[in-house]
Amino acid sequence: MMIIKNGIIRLLLMITAITVINLTSLSFTSAADASQVVINSNLKPGMSLSDAIELLGPPETMIATDNGSVVVPYKNIGLSIEVMSEGKTVERIHIEPSFKGSFKSGIEMGQDYLKIISLYEQPDIMTKELVEYSKSGITFTLKDGKITGADLYSEKSRLKEPAPSKVVKKQEKPAVNKTEEKQPRKYIEEEETDDDYYEDEYDEKKEKIDILAVFGLKVEKTLKGVIITEIMPSSPAEEANLKKGQEIRKAFYKGGQKLNIFSVSGLESILERAYIKRKRIVNILQEDNFYYKLKVPRRNR
């Protein structure tokens, strides 16, 4: 079965390669002038692959990834574009520290991270390593507070959160003391077992879920931060002993980064990722430096 699957992937990659070669052989003979490349102007996620290559010039190479996409690097410009092997649109643009083009917004590599906030306003998620705007599909990477790169995704990009592919046999779980489970705990990463991963595909065409309702809570953005305004009875939020009226400061699940919560959409993004990826626990930091263990409901296959 694996041999057949790999063969199909190779065939798709060959089709993409032929498409690119045909495009480059028609009328493109020289590399692009890096100074003419403007992110979110003449180069942006969601544009057609042919238009992107017409702007950037013929690629020197193409790289097939494990998730079924093809990366087309342009080292002379300091970026790469990525498409799914069967796709015709750019789903991701990756900006390197050596980027020689420009951003429509005026962002430049090496600037202080405060420049991002002054131009894009409050981020959804922010850590020492990144500034993320979930709804806009752009993440800036940082080092020592300076901008070192960026990743821009198309609106329906399949590259944001690859579906989990590990398949294992389920095992019996040990009994859990529910009284103990409800108690707030200091920072302890959840212990996931092998049965926390499934071979599963996320259908983007499904109606968007109300992820806060799934976990049984309502929140709002205030000057203090993202505050819990309501907790539903018998919900995961109530079982986790989350505190109504208190700020949600940080959230993370095993395998993910510990992220500061600045907006409702930022919290929704983390909870939705945990739900889609079938994680077991999301750790929620409120007051007193306690991480509450918010159980992730199982969704139907």
C-alpha atoms as a PDB file:
ATOM      1  CA  MET A   1       0.000   0.000   0.000  1.00  0.00           C
ATOM      2  CA  MET A   2       2.867   2.356   0.918  1.00  0.00           C
ATOM      3  CA  ILE A   3       4.598   1.612  -2.407  1.00  0.00           C
ATOM      4  CA  ILE A   4       1.433   2.552  -4.316  1.00  0.00           C
ATOM      5  CA  LYS A   5       1.006   5.737  -2.278  1.00  0.00           C
ATOM      6  CA  ASN A   6       4.625   6.780  -2.880  1.00  0.00           C
ATOM      7  CA  GLY A   7       4.202   6.104  -6.569  1.00  0.00           C
ATOM      8  CA  ILE A   8       1.154   8.356  -6.756  1.00  0.00           C
ATOM      9  CA  ILE A   9       3.015  11.134  -4.947  1.00  0.00           C
ATOM     10  CA  ARG A  10       5.970  10.851  -7.322  1.00  0.00           C
ATOM     11  CA  LEU A  11       3.584  11.014 -10.294  1.00  0.00           C
ATOM     12  CA  LEU A  12       1.959  14.174  -8.941  1.00  0.00           C
ATOM     13  CA  LEU A  13       5.357  15.747  -8.371  1.00  0.00           C
ATOM     14  CA  MET A  14       6.355  14.901 -11.927  1.00  0.00           C
ATOM     15  CA  ILE A  15       3.201  16.605 -13.232  1.00  0.00           C
ATOM     16  CA  THR A  16       4.016  19.710 -11.229  1.00  0.00           C
ATOM     17  CA  ALA A  17       7.613  19.641 -12.443  1.00  0.00           C
ATOM     18  CA  ILE A  18       6.486  19.372 -16.067  1.00  0.00           C
ATOM     19  CA  THR A  19       4.111  22.310 -15.549  1.00  0.00           C
ATOM     20  CA  VAL A  20       6.916  24.461 -14.153  1.00  0.00           C
ATOM     21  CA  ILE A  21       9.341  23.453 -16.893  1.00  0.00           C
ATOM     22  CA  ASN A  22       6.782  24.301 -19.572  1.00  0.00           C
ATOM     23  CA  LEU A  23       6.158  27.686 -17.995  1.00  0.00           C
ATOM     24  CA  THR A  24       9.833  28.526 -17.767  1.00  0.00           C
ATOM     25  CA  SER A  25      10.586  27.402 -21.310  1.00  0.00           C
ATOM     26  CA  LEU A  26       7.932  29.613 -22.854  1.00  0.00           C
ATOM     27  CA  SER A  27       9.194  33.092 -22.117  1.00  0.00           C
ATOM     28  CA  PHE A  28      11.274  33.293 -18.941  1.00  0.00           C
ATOM     29  CA  THR A  29      15.007  33.356 -19.504  1.00  0.00           C
ATOM     30  CA  SER A  30      16.529  35.306 -16.615  1.00  0.00           C
ATOM     31  CA  ALA A  31      16.349  35.545 -12.837  1.00  0.00           C
ATOM     32  CA  ALA A  32      14.103  38.144 -11.253  1.00  0.00           C
ATOM     33  CA  ASP A  33      15.269  41.513  -9.977  1.00  0.00           C
ATOM     34  CA  ALA A  34      14.900  41.014  -6.218  1.00  0.00           C
ATOM     35  CA  SER A  35      14.207  44.697  -5.621  1.00  0.00           C
ATOM     36  CA  GLN A  36      11.032  44.416  -7.728  1.00  0.00           C
ATOM     37  CA  VAL A  37       9.514  41.715  -5.489  1.00  0.00           C
ATOM     38  CA  VAL A  38       6.941  43.228  -3.100  1.00  0.00           C
ATOM     39  CA  ILE A  39       5.228  40.905  -0.629  1.00  0.00           C
ATOM     40  CA  ASN A  40       1.425  41.255  -0.550  1.00  0.00           C
ATOM     41  CA  SER A  41       1.575  43.333  -3.716  1.00  0.00           C
ATOM     42  CA  ASN A  42       2.939  41.582  -6.793  1.00  0.00           C
ATOM     43  CA  LEU A  43       3.798  38.442  -4.801  1.00  0.00           C
ATOM     44  CA  LYS A  44       1.234  37.097  -2.354  1.00  0.00           C
ATOM     45  CA  PRO A  45      -0.168  33.767  -1.185  1.00  0.00           C
ATOM     46  CA  GLY A  46      -3.137  32.550  -3.189  1.00  0.00           C
ATOM     47  CA  MET A  47      -1.799  33.797  -6.525  1.00  0.00           C
ATOM     48  CA  SER A  48      -1.347  31.355  -9.371  1.00  0.00           C
ATOM     49  CA  LEU A  49       1.890  29.397  -9.614  1.00  0.00           C
ATOM     50  CA  SER A  50       2.418  30.572 -13.202  1.00  0.00           C
ATOM     51  CA  ASP A  51       2.147  34.250 -12.211  1.00  0.00           C
ATOM     52  CA  ALA A  52       4.569  33.739  -9.337  1.00  0.00           C
ATOM     53  CA  ILE A  53       7.150  32.101 -11.614  1.00  0.00           C
ATOM     54  CA  GLU A  54       6.677  34.803 -14.219  1.00  0.00           C
ATOM     55  CA  LEU A  55       7.598  37.346 -11.531  1.00  0.00           C
ATOM     56  CA  LEU A  56      10.386  35.417  -9.801  1.00  0.00           C
ATOM     57  CA  GLY A  57      11.965  33.802 -12.837  1.00  0.00           C
ATOM     58  CA  PRO A  58      12.804  30.161 -13.645  1.00  0.00           C
ATOM     59  CA  PRO A  59      13.520  28.055 -10.535  1.00  0.00           C
ATOM     60  CA  GLU A  60      16.906  26.384 -10.221  1.00  0.00           C
ATOM     61  CA  THR A  61      15.451  23.444  -8.315  1.00  0.00           C
ATOM     62  CA  MET A  62      12.309  22.073  -6.693  1.00  0.00           C
ATOM     63  CA  ILE A  63      12.096  20.181  -3.405  1.00  0.00           C
ATOM     64  CA  ALA A  64       9.446  17.559  -2.629  1.00  0.00           C
ATOM     65  CA  THR A  65       8.392  17.465   1.044  1.00  0.00           C
ATOM     66  CA  ASP A  66       6.954  14.661   3.155  1.00  0.00           C
ATOM     67  CA  ASN A  67       3.548  16.353   3.375  1.00  0.00           C
ATOM     68  CA  GLY A  68       2.989  16.167  -0.389  1.00  0.00           C
ATOM     69  CA  SER A  69       3.976  19.725  -1.283  1.00  0.00           C
ATOM     70  CA  VAL A  70       6.636  21.155  -3.579  1.00  0.00           C
ATOM     71  CA  VAL A  71       8.961  23.949  -2.409  1.00  0.00           C
ATOM     72  CA  VAL A  72      10.464  26.245  -5.040  1.00  0.00           C
ATOM     73  CA  PRO A  73      13.405  28.169  -3.495  1.00  0.00           C
ATOM     74  CA  TYR A  74      14.812  31.453  -4.808  1.00  0.00           C
ATOM     75  CA  LYS A  75      18.082  31.921  -2.935  1.00  0.00           C
ATOM     76  CA  ASN A  76      18.963  35.032  -4.947  1.00  0.00           C
ATOM     77  CA  ILE A  77      15.868  36.745  -3.496  1.00  0.00           C
ATOM     78  CA  GLY A  78      15.845  35.121  -0.060  1.00  0.00           C
ATOM     79  CA  LEU A  79      12.472  33.372  -0.211  1.00  0.00           C
ATOM     80  CA  SER A  80      10.681  30.256  -1.326  1.00  0.00           C
ATOM     81  CA  ILE A  81       7.162  29.500  -2.526  1.00  0.00           C
ATOM     82  CA  GLU A  82       5.297  26.291  -1.774  1.00  0.00           C
ATOM     83  CA  VAL A  83       2.418  24.569  -3.542  1.00  0.00           C
ATOM     84  CA  MET A  84       0.685  21.244  -3.049  1.00  0.00           C
ATOM     85  CA  SER A  85       1.881  18.675  -5.573  1.00  0.00           C
ATOM     86  CA  GLU A  86      -1.445  18.747  -7.440  1.00  0.00           C
ATOM     87  CA  GLY A  87      -2.071  22.455  -6.938  1.00  0.00           C
ATOM     88  CA  LYS A  88      -1.754  25.488  -9.167  1.00  0.00           C
ATOM     89  CA  THR A  89      -1.768  28.233  -6.523  1.00  0.00           C
ATOM     90  CA  VAL A  90       0.864  29.397  -4.041  1.00  0.00           C
ATOM     91  CA  GLU A  91      -0.207  28.211  -0.592  1.00  0.00           C
ATOM     92  CA  ARG A  92       2.812  29.467   1.343  1.00  0.00           C
ATOM     93  CA  ILE A  93       5.560  32.055   0.973  1.00  0.00           C
ATOM     94  CA  HIS A  94       8.574  31.650   3.254  1.00  0.00           C
ATOM     95  CA  ILE A  95      10.766  34.701   3.831  1.00  0.00           C
ATOM     96  CA  GLU A  96      14.414  34.193   4.836  1.00  0.00           C
ATOM     97  CA  PRO A  97      16.642  36.576   6.848  1.00  0.00           C
ATOM     98  CA  SER A  98      18.473  37.284   3.566  1.00  0.00           C
ATOM     99  CA  PHE A  99      15.302  38.555   1.862  1.00  0.00           C
ATOM    100  CA  LYS A 100      16.201  41.270  -0.686  1.00  0.00           C
ATOM    101  CA  GLY A 101      12.700  42.321  -1.694  1.00  0.00           C
ATOM    102  CA  SER A 102      10.264  44.404   0.323  1.00  0.00           C
ATOM    103  CA  PHE A 103       6.904  44.239   2.090  1.00  0.00           C
ATOM    104  CA  LYS A 104       3.980  46.364   1.015  1.00  0.00           C
ATOM    105  CA  SER A 105       3.534  47.269   4.692  1.00  0.00           C
ATOM    106  CA  GLY A 106       7.110  48.545   5.012  1.00  0.00           C
ATOM    107  CA  ILE A 107       8.418  45.711   7.217  1.00  0.00           C
ATOM    108  CA  GLU A 108      12.131  44.966   6.813  1.00  0.00           C
ATOM    109  CA  MET A 109      14.325  42.144   8.071  1.00  0.00           C
ATOM    110  CA  GLY A 110      16.276  43.125  11.175  1.00  0.00           C
ATOM    111  CA  GLN A 111      13.714  45.648  12.437  1.00  0.00           C
ATOM    112  CA  ASP A 112      12.507  45.572  16.042  1.00  0.00           C
ATOM    113  CA  TYR A 113       9.371  43.504  16.652  1.00  0.00           C
ATOM    114  CA  LEU A 114       7.558  46.653  17.799  1.00  0.00           C
ATOM    115  CA  LYS A 115       7.542  47.708  14.148  1.00  0.00           C
ATOM    116  CA  ILE A 116       5.269  44.742  13.415  1.00  0.00           C
ATOM    117  CA  ILE A 117       2.795  45.752  16.114  1.00  0.00           C
ATOM    118  CA  SER A 118       2.804  49.385  14.987  1.00  0.00           C
ATOM    119  CA  LEU A 119       1.849  48.305  11.454  1.00  0.00           C
ATOM    120  CA  TYR A 120      -0.338  45.239  12.049  1.00  0.00           C
ATOM    121  CA  GLU A 121      -1.722  46.138  15.522  1.00  0.00           C
ATOM    122  CA  GLN A 122      -2.124  43.605  18.340  1.00  0.00           C
ATOM    123  CA  PRO A 123      -1.158  40.045  17.326  1.00  0.00           C
ATOM    124  CA  ASP A 124      -3.238  36.953  18.027  1.00  0.00           C
ATOM    125  CA  ILE A 125      -0.254  35.056  19.414  1.00  0.00           C
ATOM    126  CA  MET A 126       3.159  36.300  20.484  1.00  0.00           C
ATOM    127  CA  THR A 127       6.235  34.604  21.962  1.00  0.00           C
ATOM    128  CA  LYS A 128       9.951  35.362  22.002  1.00  0.00           C
ATOM    129  CA  GLU A 129      10.271  33.508  18.697  1.00  0.00           C
ATOM    130  CA  LEU A 130       7.209  34.582  16.721  1.00  0.00           C
ATOM    131  CA  VAL A 131       4.387  37.055  16.188  1.00  0.00           C
ATOM    132  CA  GLU A 132       1.306  35.460  14.637  1.00  0.00           C
ATOM    133  CA  TYR A 133      -1.782  36.956  13.017  1.00  0.00           C
ATOM    134  CA  SER A 134      -3.976  33.868  12.688  1.00  0.00           C
ATOM    135  CA  LYS A 135      -6.824  35.369  10.670  1.00  0.00           C
ATOM    136  CA  SER A 136      -4.468  37.136   8.235  1.00  0.00           C
ATOM    137  CA  GLY A 137      -2.352  34.010   7.741  1.00  0.00           C
ATOM    138  CA  ILE A 138       1.001  35.618   8.509  1.00  0.00           C
ATOM    139  CA  THR A 139       3.628  34.712  11.097  1.00  0.00           C
ATOM    140  CA  PHE A 140       6.811  36.694  11.695  1.00  0.00           C
ATOM    141  CA  THR A 141       9.825  34.950  13.221  1.00  0.00           C
ATOM    142  CA  LEU A 142      12.025  36.724  15.759  1.00  0.00           C
ATOM    143  CA  LYS A 143      15.473  36.416  17.261  1.00  0.00           C
ATOM    144  CA  ASP A 144      16.523  38.668  20.138  1.00  0.00           C
ATOM    145  CA  GLY A 145      13.497  40.840  19.423  1.00  0.00           C
ATOM    146  CA  LYS A 146      14.433  41.403  15.761  1.00  0.00           C
ATOM    147  CA  ILE A 147      12.542  40.260  12.666  1.00  0.00           C
ATOM    148  CA  THR A 148      14.325  37.355  10.973  1.00  0.00           C
ATOM    149  CA  GLY A 149      11.689  36.068   8.564  1.00  0.00           C
ATOM    150  CA  ALA A 150       8.039  35.410   7.881  1.00  0.00           C
ATOM    151  CA  ASP A 151       5.590  32.808   6.618  1.00  0.00           C
ATOM    152  CA  LEU A 152       2.495  33.859   4.694  1.00  0.00           C
ATOM    153  CA  TYR A 153      -0.336  31.406   3.977  1.00  0.00           C
ATOM    154  CA  SER A 154      -3.228  31.564   1.550  1.00  0.00           C
ATOM    155  CA  GLU A 155      -6.738  31.698   3.011  1.00  0.00           C
ATOM    156  CA  LYS A 156      -7.408  27.977   2.539  1.00  0.00           C
ATOM    157  CA  SER A 157      -3.826  26.759   2.718  1.00  0.00           C
ATOM    158  CA  ARG A 158      -3.389  23.106   3.606  1.00  0.00           C
ATOM    159  CA  LEU A 159       0.120  23.801   4.869  1.00  0.00           C
ATOM    160  CA  LYS A 160      -0.798  25.604   8.102  1.00  0.00           C
ATOM    161  CA  GLU A 161      -1.454  22.493  10.165  1.00  0.00           C
ATOM    162  CA  PRO A 162      -0.628  19.185   8.464  1.00  0.00           C
ATOM    163  CA  ALA A 163      -3.014  16.414   9.456  1.00  0.00           C
ATOM    164  CA  PRO A 164      -1.523  13.837  11.859  1.00  0.00           C
ATOM    165  CA  SER A 165      -0.487  10.663  10.072  1.00  0.00           C
ATOM    166  CA  LYS A 166       0.796   8.389  12.820  1.00  0.00           C
ATOM    167  CA  VAL A 167      -1.399   5.323  13.294  1.00  0.00           C
ATOM    168  CA  VAL A 168      -0.991   3.073  16.324  1.00  0.00           C
ATOM    169  CA  LYS A 169      -2.968   0.437  18.119  1.00  0.00           C
ATOM    170  CA  LYS A 170      -5.103   1.684  20.965  1.00  0.00           C
ATOM    171  CA  GLN A 171      -4.120   0.702  24.479  1.00  0.00           C
ATOM    172  CA  GLU A 172      -6.062   0.608  27.717  1.00  0.00           C
ATOM    173  CA  LYS A 173      -5.730   3.804  29.753  1.00  0.00           C
ATOM    174  CA  PRO A 174      -5.129   3.683  33.491  1.00  0.00           C
ATOM    175  CA  ALA A 175      -7.942   4.870  35.746  1.00  0.00           C
ATOM    176  CA  VAL A 176      -7.802   8.559  36.638  1.00  0.00           C
ATOM    177  CA  ASN A 177      -8.806  10.068  39.952  1.00  0.00           C
ATOM    178  CA  LYS A 178     -11.356  12.699  38.822  1.00  0.00           C
ATOM    179  CA  THR A 179     -11.080  14.664  42.044  1.00  0.00           C
ATOM    180  CA  GLU A 180      -7.344  14.987  41.533  1.00  0.00           C
ATOM    181  CA  GLU A 181      -7.784  15.792  37.843  1.00  0.00           C
ATOM    182  CA  LYS A 182      -9.880  18.880  38.661  1.00  0.00           C
ATOM    183  CA  GLN A 183      -7.238  20.422  40.889  1.00  0.00           C
ATOM    184  CA  PRO A 184      -5.122  23.199  39.359  1.00  0.00           C
ATOM    185  CA  ARG A 185      -1.508  22.221  38.762  1.00  0.00           C
ATOM    186  CA  LYS A 186       1.692  24.074  38.217  1.00  0.00           C
ATOM    187  CA  TYR A 187       3.318  23.800  34.827  1.00  0.00           C
ATOM    188  CA  ILE A 188       3.223  20.116  33.870  1.00  0.00           C
ATOM    189  CA  GLU A 189       3.047  19.052  30.251  1.00  0.00           C
ATOM    190  CA  GLU A 190       0.264  16.556  29.648  1.00  0.00           C
ATOM    191  CA  GLU A 191       1.239  12.939  29.265  1.00  0.00           C
ATOM    192  CA  GLU A 192      -0.127  11.716  25.966  1.00  0.00           C
ATOM    193  CA  THR A 193      -0.176   8.064  25.061  1.00  0.00           C
ATOM    194  CA  ASP A 194       0.125   6.591  21.596  1.00  0.00           C
ATOM    195  CA  ASP A 195      -3.644   6.458  21.195  1.00  0.00           C
ATOM    196  CA  ASP A 196      -3.751  10.257  21.110  1.00  0.00           C
ATOM    197  CA  TYR A 197      -2.890  10.143  17.389  1.00  0.00           C
ATOM    198  CA  TYR A 198      -5.110   9.010  14.550  1.00  0.00           C
ATOM    199  CA  GLU A 199      -4.919   8.867  10.796  1.00  0.00           C
ATOM    200  CA  ASP A 200      -7.475  11.537  10.045  1.00  0.00           C
ATOM    201  CA  GLU A 201      -8.192  14.153   7.430  1.00  0.00           C
ATOM    202  CA  TYR A 202      -9.638  17.556   8.277  1.00  0.00           C
ATOM    203  CA  ASP A 203     -12.376  18.540   5.827  1.00  0.00           C
ATOM    204  CA  GLU A 204     -12.039  22.283   5.220  1.00  0.00           C
ATOM    205  CA  LYS A 205     -15.439  22.329   3.495  1.00  0.00           C
ATOM    206  CA  LYS A 206     -17.229  21.490   6.740  1.00  0.00           C
ATOM    207  CA  GLU A 207     -19.062  24.282   8.485  1.00  0.00           C
ATOM    208  CA  LYS A 208     -16.753  26.102  10.875  1.00  0.00           C
ATOM    209  CA  ILE A 209     -17.231  24.869  14.430  1.00  0.00           C
ATOM    210  CA  ASP A 210     -17.860  27.078  17.454  1.00  0.00           C
ATOM    211  CA  ILE A 211     -14.710  25.906  19.197  1.00  0.00           C
ATOM    212  CA  LEU A 212     -15.379  27.827  22.427  1.00  0.00           C
ATOM    213  CA  ALA A 213     -18.777  26.121  22.736  1.00  0.00           C
ATOM    214  CA  VAL A 214     -17.080  22.740  22.210  1.00  0.00           C
ATOM    215  CA  PHE A 215     -14.955  23.383  25.290  1.00  0.00           C
ATOM    216  CA  GLY A 216     -17.862  24.954  27.163  1.00  0.00           C
ATOM    217  CA  LEU A 217     -16.782  28.522  27.765  1.00  0.00           C
ATOM    218  CA  LYS A 218     -17.342  32.074  26.615  1.00  0.00           C
ATOM    219  CA  VAL A 219     -14.668  34.766  26.632  1.00  0.00           C
ATOM    220  CA  GLU A 220     -14.255  38.410  25.732  1.00  0.00           C
ATOM    221  CA  LYS A 221     -11.319  40.733  25.065  1.00  0.00           C
ATOM    222  CA  THR A 222     -10.911  43.479  27.664  1.00  0.00           C
ATOM    223  CA  LEU A 223      -8.166  45.933  28.562  1.00  0.00           C
ATOM    224  CA  LYS A 224      -6.922  43.374  31.060  1.00  0.00           C
ATOM    225  CA  GLY A 225      -6.791  40.575  28.509  1.00  0.00           C
ATOM    226  CA  VAL A 226      -8.939  37.648  27.331  1.00  0.00           C
ATOM    227  CA  ILE A 227     -11.362  37.022  30.219  1.00  0.00           C
ATOM    228  CA  ILE A 228     -13.641  34.022  30.782  1.00  0.00           C
ATOM    229  CA  THR A 229     -17.183  35.376  31.056  1.00  0.00           C
ATOM    230  CA  GLU A 230     -19.140  32.106  31.245  1.00  0.00           C
ATOM    231  CA  ILE A 231     -18.474  28.417  31.920  1.00  0.00           C
ATOM    232  CA  MET A 232     -21.058  25.850  30.842  1.00  0.00           C
ATOM    233  CA  PRO A 233     -22.205  23.200  33.334  1.00  0.00           C
ATOM    234  CA  SER A 234     -20.655  19.733  32.931  1.00  0.00           C
ATOM    235  CA  SER A 235     -18.327  21.047  30.215  1.00  0.00           C
ATOM    236  CA  PRO A 236     -14.588  20.420  29.814  1.00  0.00           C
ATOM    237  CA  ALA A 237     -14.024  23.977  31.072  1.00  0.00           C
ATOM    238  CA  GLU A 238     -15.938  23.253  34.288  1.00  0.00           C
ATOM    239  CA  GLU A 239     -14.197  19.895  34.752  1.00  0.00           C
ATOM    240  CA  ALA A 240     -10.836  21.648  34.378  1.00  0.00           C
ATOM    241  CA  ASN A 241     -11.841  24.058  37.166  1.00  0.00           C
ATOM    242  CA  LEU A 242     -11.169  27.123  35.013  1.00  0.00           C
ATOM    243  CA  LYS A 243     -11.994  30.394  36.756  1.00  0.00           C
ATOM    244  CA  LYS A 244     -14.757  32.679  35.520  1.00  0.00           C
ATOM    245  CA  GLY A 245     -13.739  36.356  35.520  1.00  0.00           C
ATOM    246  CA  GLN A 246     -10.033  35.584  35.278  1.00  0.00           C
ATOM    247  CA  GLU A 247      -7.679  36.238  32.383  1.00  0.00           C
ATOM    248  CA  ILE A 248      -6.326  33.445  30.166  1.00  0.00           C
ATOM    249  CA  ARG A 249      -2.642  34.323  29.965  1.00  0.00           C
ATOM    250  CA  LYS A 250      -1.095  31.370  28.140  1.00  0.00           C
ATOM    251  CA  ALA A 251      -2.133  28.126  26.458  1.00  0.00           C
ATOM    252  CA  PHE A 252      -0.346  25.167  24.903  1.00  0.00           C
ATOM    253  CA  TYR A 253      -0.697  21.479  24.136  1.00  0.00           C
ATOM    254  CA  LYS A 254       1.979  18.790  24.007  1.00  0.00           C
ATOM    255  CA  GLY A 255       4.185  19.243  20.976  1.00  0.00           C
ATOM    256  CA  GLY A 256       3.160  22.887  20.559  1.00  0.00           C
ATOM    257  CA  GLN A 257       4.674  26.138  21.769  1.00  0.00           C
ATOM    258  CA  LYS A 258       3.667  27.843  24.991  1.00  0.00           C
ATOM    259  CA  LEU A 259       1.857  30.865  23.611  1.00  0.00           C
ATOM    260  CA  ASN A 260       0.753  34.124  25.185  1.00  0.00           C
ATOM    261  CA  ILE A 261      -2.936  34.884  24.579  1.00  0.00           C
ATOM    262  CA  PHE A 262      -3.655  38.427  23.420  1.00  0.00           C
ATOM    263  CA  SER A 263      -6.956  37.983  21.588  1.00  0.00           C
ATOM    264  CA  VAL A 264     -10.029  35.788  21.360  1.00  0.00           C
ATOM    265  CA  SER A 265      -9.020  34.594  17.877  1.00  0.00           C
ATOM    266  CA  GLY A 266      -5.622  33.562  19.234  1.00  0.00           C
ATOM    267  CA  LEU A 267      -7.262  31.378  21.896  1.00  0.00           C
ATOM    268  CA  GLU A 268      -9.695  29.944  19.344  1.00  0.00           C
ATOM    269  CA  SER A 269      -6.793  29.085  17.045  1.00  0.00           C
ATOM    270  CA  ILE A 270      -4.982  27.040  19.709  1.00  0.00           C
ATOM    271  CA  LEU A 271      -8.138  25.228  20.868  1.00  0.00           C
ATOM    272  CA  GLU A 272      -9.128  24.424  17.288  1.00  0.00           C
ATOM    273  CA  ARG A 273      -5.689  23.038  16.478  1.00  0.00           C
ATOM    274  CA  ALA A 274      -5.798  20.812  19.566  1.00  0.00           C
ATOM    275  CA  TYR A 275      -9.300  19.633  18.631  1.00  0.00           C
ATOM    276  CA  ILE A 276      -8.455  18.904  14.992  1.00  0.00           C
ATOM    277  CA  LYS A 277      -5.172  17.194  15.862  1.00  0.00           C
ATOM    278  CA  ARG A 278      -6.960  15.141  18.549  1.00  0.00           C
ATOM    279  CA  LYS A 279      -4.709  16.245  21.381  1.00  0.00           C
ATOM    280  CA  ARG A 280      -5.711  15.075  24.864  1.00  0.00           C
ATOM    281  CA  ILE A 281      -5.053  18.145  27.010  1.00  0.00           C
ATOM    282  CA  VAL A 282      -4.674  21.901  26.522  1.00  0.00           C
ATOM    283  CA  ASN A 283      -2.809  23.552  29.395  1.00  0.00           C
ATOM    284  CA  ILE A 284      -4.374  26.895  30.363  1.00  0.00           C
ATOM    285  CA  LEU A 285      -2.532  29.429  32.530  1.00  0.00           C
ATOM    286  CA  GLN A 286      -4.678  31.804  34.588  1.00  0.00           C
ATOM    287  CA  GLU A 287      -3.737  33.553  37.839  1.00  0.00           C
ATOM    288  CA  ASP A 288      -1.340  32.287  40.531  1.00  0.00           C
ATOM    289  CA  ASN A 289       0.894  30.637  37.884  1.00  0.00           C
ATOM    290  CA  PHE A 290      -1.279  27.514  37.738  1.00  0.00           C
ATOM    291  CA  TYR A 291      -1.801  25.552  34.548  1.00  0.00           C
ATOM    292  CA  TYR A 292      -5.284  24.052  34.396  1.00  0.00           C
ATOM    293  CA  LYS A 293      -5.661  20.850  32.385  1.00  0.00           C
ATOM    294  CA  LEU A 294      -8.469  21.416  29.862  1.00  0.00           C
ATOM    295  CA  LYS A 295      -9.554  18.097  28.365  1.00  0.00           C
ATOM    296  CA  VAL A 296     -10.023  18.103  24.583  1.00  0.00           C
ATOM    297  CA  PRO A 297     -13.360  16.541  23.546  1.00  0.00           C
ATOM    298  CA  ARG A 298     -13.164  13.755  20.996  1.00  0.00           C
ATOM    299  CA  ARG A 299     -14.654  14.684  17.653  1.00  0.00           C
ATOM    300  CA  ASN A 300     -16.461  12.263  15.365  1.00  0.00           C
ATOM    301  CA  ARG A 301     -14.409  10.612  12.692  1.00  0.00           C
END
